[in-house]
Protein backbone atom coordinates (compact mmCIF):
# COMPACT_ATOMS: atom_id res chain seq x y z
CA MET A 1 6.88 11.18 12.59
CA THR A 2 9.20 14.02 11.26
CA GLU A 3 8.26 17.02 9.40
CA THR A 4 10.47 16.52 6.40
CA LEU A 5 13.94 14.35 5.79
CA ALA A 6 16.82 16.11 4.92
CA PRO A 7 18.03 15.51 1.74
CA SER A 8 21.02 13.22 2.12
CA GLU A 9 18.28 11.21 5.01
CA ARG A 10 15.92 11.20 1.59
CA ARG A 11 18.40 9.42 -0.77
CA ASP A 12 19.23 7.22 1.61
CA TRP A 13 15.71 6.57 2.92
CA LEU A 14 14.35 6.18 -0.99
CA ARG A 15 18.29 3.81 -1.47
CA LEU A 16 17.06 1.02 0.93
CA ALA A 17 13.30 1.56 -0.28
CA ARG A 18 14.70 0.27 -4.11
CA THR A 19 16.96 -2.16 -2.49
CA GLY A 20 16.45 -5.60 -4.48
CA GLY A 21 14.80 -7.97 -1.82
CA VAL A 22 13.43 -5.44 0.68
CA GLY A 23 9.99 -5.23 0.83
CA PRO A 24 7.91 -2.34 2.85
CA VAL A 25 8.21 -5.11 5.75
CA LEU A 26 11.69 -5.85 5.77
CA PHE A 27 12.30 -2.47 5.59
CA HIS A 28 10.80 -1.56 8.35
CA GLU A 29 12.76 -4.15 10.33
CA LEU A 30 15.87 -2.59 9.03
CA ILE A 31 14.94 0.84 10.39
CA ARG A 32 13.91 -0.24 13.36
CA ARG A 33 16.98 -2.38 14.00
CA HIS A 34 19.73 -0.02 12.59
CA GLY A 35 18.00 3.11 13.53
CA GLU A 36 18.44 5.02 10.23
CA PRO A 37 18.52 3.86 6.89
CA ALA A 38 22.17 5.08 6.34
CA ARG A 39 23.17 2.60 8.86
CA ALA A 40 21.26 -0.08 7.71
CA LEU A 41 22.39 0.45 4.42
CA ALA A 42 26.00 0.31 5.25
CA ALA A 43 25.29 -3.11 7.34
CA LEU A 44 23.44 -4.81 4.60
CA PRO A 45 26.38 -6.05 2.49
CA ALA A 46 27.76 -7.95 5.47
CA LEU A 47 24.22 -9.48 6.21
CA ALA A 48 24.22 -10.59 2.54
CA GLU A 49 28.22 -12.16 2.47
CA ARG A 50 26.85 -14.17 5.38
CA ALA A 51 24.25 -15.88 3.63
CA GLY A 52 27.10 -16.12 0.23
CA ARG A 53 24.77 -13.30 -0.88
CA VAL A 54 25.61 -10.14 -2.80
CA ALA A 55 23.39 -7.03 -1.59
CA ASP A 56 21.70 -5.40 -4.56
CA ILE A 57 22.02 -1.93 -3.42
CA PRO A 58 21.06 0.70 -6.14
CA SER A 59 23.89 2.68 -6.65
CA GLU A 60 24.07 6.40 -5.81
CA ALA A 61 23.78 7.64 -9.11
CA ALA A 62 20.47 5.23 -9.93
CA ILE A 63 18.69 7.11 -6.99
CA GLU A 64 19.83 10.55 -8.22
CA ALA A 65 18.27 9.68 -11.66
CA GLU A 66 15.20 8.74 -10.32
CA LEU A 67 15.06 11.60 -8.04
CA ALA A 68 15.39 13.71 -11.19
CA ALA A 69 12.86 11.64 -13.27
CA GLY A 70 10.54 12.51 -10.45
CA ALA A 71 11.44 16.33 -10.84
CA ALA A 72 11.00 16.52 -14.39
CA LEU A 73 7.37 15.45 -14.07
CA GLY A 74 6.48 17.93 -11.36
CA ALA A 75 6.30 14.64 -8.83
CA HIS A 76 6.57 14.61 -5.25
CA LEU A 77 8.36 12.16 -3.25
CA LEU A 78 6.81 11.31 0.10
CA CYS A 79 8.33 8.98 2.82
CA ALA A 80 6.28 7.33 5.36
CA CYS A 81 7.97 8.84 8.03
CA GLU A 82 7.43 12.50 6.78
CA ARG A 83 4.54 14.23 8.18
CA ALA A 84 2.59 14.66 5.03
CA CYS A 85 2.06 10.87 4.28
CA PRO A 86 -1.20 10.65 4.79
CA GLN A 87 -1.84 9.02 8.20
CA ALA A 88 -4.36 6.20 6.90
CA LEU A 89 -1.29 4.92 5.48
CA ALA A 90 0.79 5.17 8.81
CA ALA A 91 -1.36 3.41 10.40
CA LEU A 92 -0.87 0.05 8.09
CA ASP A 93 1.28 -2.51 8.92
CA PRO A 94 3.73 -1.80 7.44
CA PRO A 95 3.35 1.46 5.42
CA PRO A 96 4.55 1.66 2.03
CA PRO A 97 7.97 3.15 2.77
CA VAL A 98 7.93 5.27 -0.30
CA LEU A 99 5.12 7.45 -2.56
CA TRP A 100 5.46 9.11 -5.72
CA THR A 101 2.99 11.90 -5.93
CA ARG A 102 1.31 14.35 -8.73
CA GLY A 103 -1.01 16.87 -8.66
CA ASP A 104 -2.71 18.15 -5.20
CA VAL A 105 -1.19 16.16 -2.72
CA ALA A 106 -3.29 17.42 0.10
CA GLN A 107 -6.25 15.65 -1.19
CA LEU A 108 -4.26 12.83 0.59
CA GLN A 109 -5.03 14.12 3.41
CA ARG A 110 -8.88 14.42 2.98
CA PRO A 111 -11.41 11.64 3.96
CA LEU A 112 -11.46 9.13 1.07
CA ILE A 113 -13.86 6.60 -0.31
CA ALA A 114 -12.55 3.58 -2.31
CA LEU A 115 -15.13 2.65 -5.01
CA VAL A 116 -13.50 -0.31 -7.00
CA GLY A 117 -15.20 -2.78 -9.20
CA ALA A 118 -15.26 -4.57 -12.96
CA ARG A 119 -13.24 -3.37 -15.76
CA VAL A 120 -15.67 -5.03 -18.25
CA ALA A 121 -18.47 -3.25 -16.31
CA SER A 122 -22.00 -2.67 -17.27
CA ALA A 123 -23.10 0.62 -18.46
CA ALA A 124 -25.66 0.22 -15.44
CA GLY A 125 -22.64 -0.27 -12.88
CA GLN A 126 -20.60 2.71 -14.41
CA ARG A 127 -23.83 5.46 -14.26
CA PHE A 128 -24.29 3.90 -10.70
CA ALA A 129 -20.31 4.41 -10.20
CA ARG A 130 -20.20 7.86 -11.66
CA GLY A 131 -23.30 8.96 -9.67
CA LEU A 132 -22.13 7.64 -5.69
CA ALA A 133 -18.94 9.47 -6.29
CA ALA A 134 -20.34 12.66 -7.59
CA GLU A 135 -22.79 12.05 -4.11
CA LEU A 136 -19.82 11.67 -2.00
CA GLY A 137 -17.73 14.05 -3.43
CA ALA A 138 -20.85 16.41 -2.49
CA ALA A 139 -20.87 15.13 1.02
CA GLY A 140 -17.36 16.20 1.71
CA TYR A 141 -15.86 12.87 0.64
CA GLY A 142 -13.05 12.16 -1.94
CA VAL A 143 -13.06 8.92 -3.80
CA VAL A 144 -9.99 7.11 -4.26
CA SER A 145 -9.62 4.20 -6.96
CA GLY A 146 -7.45 2.41 -9.50
CA MET A 147 -7.76 4.46 -12.79
CA ALA A 148 -8.57 1.10 -14.49
CA ARG A 149 -11.48 0.65 -17.24
CA GLY A 150 -14.68 0.38 -16.01
CA ILE A 151 -16.28 1.17 -12.75
CA ASP A 152 -12.94 2.80 -11.69
CA GLY A 153 -12.59 5.04 -14.24
CA ALA A 154 -16.26 6.41 -13.73
CA ALA A 155 -15.73 6.81 -9.76
CA HIS A 156 -12.91 8.80 -10.95
CA GLU A 157 -15.05 10.85 -13.30
CA GLY A 158 -18.09 11.30 -11.01
CA ALA A 159 -15.49 12.94 -8.42
CA LEU A 160 -13.57 14.83 -10.48
CA ALA A 161 -15.20 18.15 -9.41
CA SER A 162 -14.84 17.12 -5.70
CA GLY A 163 -11.43 15.72 -5.75
CA THR A 164 -10.23 12.39 -6.59
CA VAL A 165 -7.11 10.25 -5.72
CA ALA A 166 -5.81 7.56 -8.59
CA VAL A 167 -3.42 4.67 -7.46
CA LEU A 168 -0.95 3.43 -10.00
CA GLY A 169 0.42 0.11 -10.01
CA GLY A 170 3.30 0.97 -12.04
CA GLY A 171 5.32 4.55 -12.13
CA VAL A 172 3.39 7.62 -11.34
CA ASP A 173 3.26 8.30 -14.91
CA ASP A 174 2.00 4.75 -15.84
CA ILE A 175 -1.21 5.63 -18.01
CA TYR A 176 -2.73 2.59 -18.10
CA PRO A 177 -5.10 1.78 -20.01
CA HIS A 178 -4.00 4.18 -22.83
CA GLU A 179 -7.57 5.21 -23.67
CA HIS A 180 -7.57 7.10 -20.02
CA GLY A 181 -4.97 9.72 -20.67
CA GLU A 182 -7.39 12.65 -20.56
CA LEU A 183 -8.91 11.03 -17.32
CA TYR A 184 -5.06 10.89 -16.08
CA ARG A 185 -4.44 14.74 -16.91
CA GLN A 186 -7.74 15.53 -15.21
CA ILE A 187 -7.08 13.98 -12.37
CA ILE A 188 -3.51 15.72 -12.29
CA ALA A 189 -5.45 18.93 -12.47
CA GLN A 190 -8.11 18.55 -10.46
CA GLY A 191 -7.10 15.54 -8.14
CA CYS A 192 -3.95 13.38 -7.46
CA VAL A 193 -1.86 10.85 -8.49
CA VAL A 194 0.24 8.23 -6.71
CA ALA A 195 2.04 5.39 -7.01
CA GLU A 196 4.79 2.88 -5.04
CA HIS A 197 7.04 2.37 -7.81
CA PRO A 198 9.57 4.78 -9.71
CA PRO A 199 8.85 6.98 -12.68
CA GLY A 200 9.22 5.25 -16.16
CA ARG A 201 8.17 1.90 -14.77
CA LYS A 202 5.24 0.13 -16.40
CA ALA A 203 2.95 -2.04 -14.06
CA GLN A 204 3.09 -5.66 -14.28
CA ALA A 205 0.74 -8.24 -12.90
CA ARG A 206 2.51 -8.56 -9.66
CA ASP A 207 2.10 -5.25 -9.07
CA PHE A 208 -1.71 -4.80 -8.72
CA PRO A 209 -1.80 -6.48 -5.49
CA ARG A 210 0.16 -3.52 -3.62
CA ARG A 211 -1.91 -1.35 -5.36
CA ASN A 212 -5.02 -2.53 -4.15
CA ARG A 213 -3.55 -2.47 -0.77
CA VAL A 214 -2.57 1.33 -0.88
CA ILE A 215 -6.37 1.92 -2.33
CA ALA A 216 -7.85 0.08 0.66
CA GLY A 217 -5.23 1.37 3.22
CA LEU A 218 -6.34 4.92 1.94
CA ALA A 219 -9.99 4.67 2.37
CA ARG A 220 -12.31 4.88 5.50
CA ALA A 221 -14.53 2.60 3.35
CA VAL A 222 -14.57 0.38 0.18
CA VAL A 223 -17.43 0.17 -1.65
CA VAL A 224 -17.69 -2.69 -4.67
CA VAL A 225 -20.04 -2.17 -7.55
CA GLU A 226 -19.36 -5.17 -9.71
CA ALA A 227 -17.05 -7.80 -9.43
CA GLU A 228 -16.98 -11.40 -10.24
CA LEU A 229 -16.02 -14.20 -7.99
CA ARG A 230 -12.45 -14.00 -9.25
CA SER A 231 -11.56 -10.26 -9.21
CA GLY A 232 -9.10 -7.83 -7.88
CA SER A 233 -11.89 -6.15 -6.58
CA LEU A 234 -12.57 -8.56 -4.03
CA ILE A 235 -8.84 -8.78 -3.20
CA THR A 236 -9.04 -4.84 -2.28
CA ALA A 237 -12.37 -5.50 -0.28
CA ARG A 238 -10.60 -8.65 1.71
CA LEU A 239 -7.95 -6.00 2.66
CA ALA A 240 -9.76 -3.49 3.66
CA GLY A 241 -11.54 -5.69 5.96
CA GLU A 242 -8.28 -7.10 7.75
CA MET A 243 -7.42 -3.51 8.29
CA GLY A 244 -10.51 -2.55 10.05
CA ARG A 245 -12.44 -0.69 7.08
CA ASP A 246 -16.04 -0.82 6.23
CA VAL A 247 -16.86 -2.94 3.21
CA LEU A 248 -19.78 -2.34 1.14
CA ALA A 249 -21.19 -3.84 -1.74
CA VAL A 250 -23.61 -3.05 -4.44
CA PRO A 251 -26.21 -5.91 -5.03
CA GLY A 252 -27.27 -7.12 -8.48
CA SER A 253 -28.85 -9.61 -10.50
CA PRO A 254 -28.08 -12.97 -10.07
CA LEU A 255 -28.43 -13.79 -13.57
CA ASP A 256 -25.26 -11.40 -14.60
CA PRO A 257 -21.83 -12.81 -13.52
CA ARG A 258 -20.46 -9.48 -12.37
CA ALA A 259 -22.56 -8.95 -9.91
CA ARG A 260 -21.57 -12.76 -7.74
CA GLY A 261 -18.93 -11.18 -6.66
CA THR A 262 -20.80 -8.32 -5.17
CA ASN A 263 -23.35 -10.85 -3.83
CA ASP A 264 -21.18 -13.23 -2.16
CA LEU A 265 -19.56 -10.21 0.23
CA ILE A 266 -22.97 -9.26 1.30
CA ARG A 267 -23.66 -12.83 1.89
CA GLN A 268 -20.42 -12.78 3.76
CA GLY A 269 -21.41 -9.71 6.10
CA ALA A 270 -20.43 -6.90 3.97
CA ALA A 271 -23.21 -3.86 4.08
CA ILE A 272 -25.27 -3.66 1.10
CA CYS A 273 -24.95 -0.46 -0.53
CA GLU A 274 -27.71 1.35 -2.80
CA GLY A 275 -26.39 4.91 -2.56
CA ALA A 276 -24.06 7.49 -0.59
CA ASP A 277 -26.45 7.49 2.14
CA ASP A 278 -25.85 3.61 3.07
CA VAL A 279 -21.95 4.84 2.97
CA LEU A 280 -22.35 7.81 5.59
CA ARG A 281 -24.34 5.86 7.80
CA ALA A 282 -21.53 2.75 7.67
CA LEU A 283 -18.85 5.59 8.37
CA GLU A 284 -20.98 7.16 11.79
CA THR A 285 -18.75 4.57 13.76
CA PHE A 286 -15.46 5.61 12.30
CA GLY A 287 -13.00 6.02 14.97
CA GLY A 288 -10.22 7.58 12.90
CA PHE A 289 -6.83 5.84 11.99
CA ARG A 290 -3.93 5.24 14.74
CA ALA A 291 -0.82 5.46 13.15
CA PRO A 292 2.22 4.06 15.94
CA ASP A 293 4.00 6.87 18.32
CA GLN A 294 7.41 5.64 17.73
CA PRO A 295 10.58 7.81 16.59
CA VAL A 296 11.90 8.20 13.22
CA PHE A 297 15.46 7.03 14.01
CA GLN A 298 16.58 5.18 16.67
CA GLU A 299 19.53 3.68 18.31
CA ALA A 300 20.91 0.64 16.76
CA GLU A 301 19.99 -2.82 18.25
CA SER A 302 22.57 -5.42 18.96
CA GLU A 303 23.60 -8.03 16.02
CA ALA A 304 21.74 -11.37 15.44
CA ASP A 305 23.13 -14.38 17.43
CA ALA A 306 24.30 -17.36 14.34
CA ARG A 307 22.63 -20.03 16.89
CA LEU A 308 19.41 -18.22 17.31
CA VAL A 309 19.44 -17.71 13.46
CA ALA A 310 20.20 -21.27 12.48
CA ARG A 311 17.11 -22.21 15.04
CA ILE A 312 14.53 -19.62 13.59
CA ALA A 313 15.40 -21.07 10.24
CA GLU A 314 14.53 -24.60 11.36
CA LEU A 315 10.98 -23.45 12.76
CA LEU A 316 10.24 -21.56 9.78
CA SER A 317 8.03 -23.33 7.25
CA PRO A 318 5.70 -22.20 4.09
CA THR A 319 2.80 -21.64 6.79
CA PRO A 320 3.35 -17.96 8.01
CA VAL A 321 3.83 -18.00 11.92
CA SER A 322 3.87 -15.35 14.27
CA ARG A 323 6.85 -13.81 15.98
CA ASP A 324 5.35 -14.12 19.64
CA GLU A 325 5.74 -18.44 18.49
CA LEU A 326 8.74 -17.68 17.63
CA ILE A 327 9.79 -16.14 20.89
CA ARG A 328 8.15 -18.35 22.63
CA ALA A 329 9.65 -21.39 21.05
CA THR A 330 13.34 -20.18 21.48
CA ARG A 331 12.88 -18.41 24.43
CA ALA A 332 14.66 -15.82 23.06
CA PRO A 333 13.96 -12.06 23.65
CA ALA A 334 11.92 -10.09 21.43
CA GLY A 335 14.53 -8.04 19.99
CA ALA A 336 16.75 -10.68 19.45
CA VAL A 337 14.40 -12.78 17.20
CA ALA A 338 13.31 -9.71 15.04
CA ALA A 339 17.12 -9.37 14.08
CA ALA A 340 17.04 -12.90 13.25
CA LEU A 341 14.56 -12.49 11.55
CA VAL A 342 15.92 -9.70 9.41
CA GLU A 343 19.25 -11.84 8.76
CA LEU A 344 17.15 -14.73 7.83
CA ALA A 345 15.00 -12.13 5.24
CA VAL A 346 18.40 -10.56 4.13
CA ALA A 347 19.44 -13.71 2.73
CA GLY A 348 16.14 -14.91 1.27
CA LYS A 349 15.83 -17.31 3.80
CA ALA A 350 12.36 -16.10 5.03
CA GLU A 351 9.55 -13.85 4.16
CA LEU A 352 8.42 -11.10 6.42
CA LEU A 353 4.78 -10.46 6.06
CA PRO A 354 2.46 -7.75 7.43
CA GLY A 355 0.86 -8.50 10.87
CA GLY A 356 4.30 -9.73 12.86
CA MET A 357 4.30 -12.87 10.24
CA ALA A 358 7.23 -14.66 8.81
CA ALA A 359 7.11 -17.51 6.71
CA MET A 360 10.03 -19.87 5.00
CA ALA A 361 10.95 -17.74 1.57
């Protein structure tokens, strides 16, 4: 961690994060491999050229335009290596490289509980979410959700007085749904709005799993109030469980389709939530977030060996495999395998996944 990046480092960090085909995993691998964003940007054209591609690096003017758009909104850019970045996200594998925020950034450092659920929620479910959010606020916790219709909106409303965080799927100024315009303004005034994407970007369907990952990552626990069996809220709950967060679900009538997802979560081992006391009990054993202890910028590692790159490309398949398995199969040093995977990812031939996994792209 560093206190804050210098302006030139911040521009390079953002430029690498916005490079086409560079997701969070590849971003952090490039930083680890090349030591700093300027060196990674300098190396990308040659890496792409070896694969017969052209590196899709945004121009410096495009990055300046994004920074200016954020400044015009009064938004603040957080880079993953900076101390102001929430410790909860720094502990993720990998953390989002950048976040745009509007409102009180200090809300991100508070202990947060995620409340999520159905968009087409029942009146009873919305009342429960609103009341639970208020109770958690009175107990000293902030509430994080996705500002969607239904349960999300009710949770934000209940937590306005004590502080709430809204994670958006588009840019930090993308108000969706449109009827939440006033709620959005209230959250900025009394809480914080967060987004991974540049200002001005409208959310697309593929953006919401990443948004859900940030919601789960920020939270110490996730409470699902109502959800059908095929629901984005269940994705948030699954991600939270994979991250070691507590998952709770509100039981409901088997006659209501909106209770099938929550009842199934309980069947799978989620704790029952009937009020704030259940959430607080679940948090009694919370051990805190532990971010990896490593320097921000390091010395660049050696180049990948072409034969090793070809061998690893042969070993990859659509089924994810761990880096350790590739090391065992090739008998190559860990650093060399990591370098080869980076080259394959830049070439569009490999997909780097969280948890040290990789698959054929």
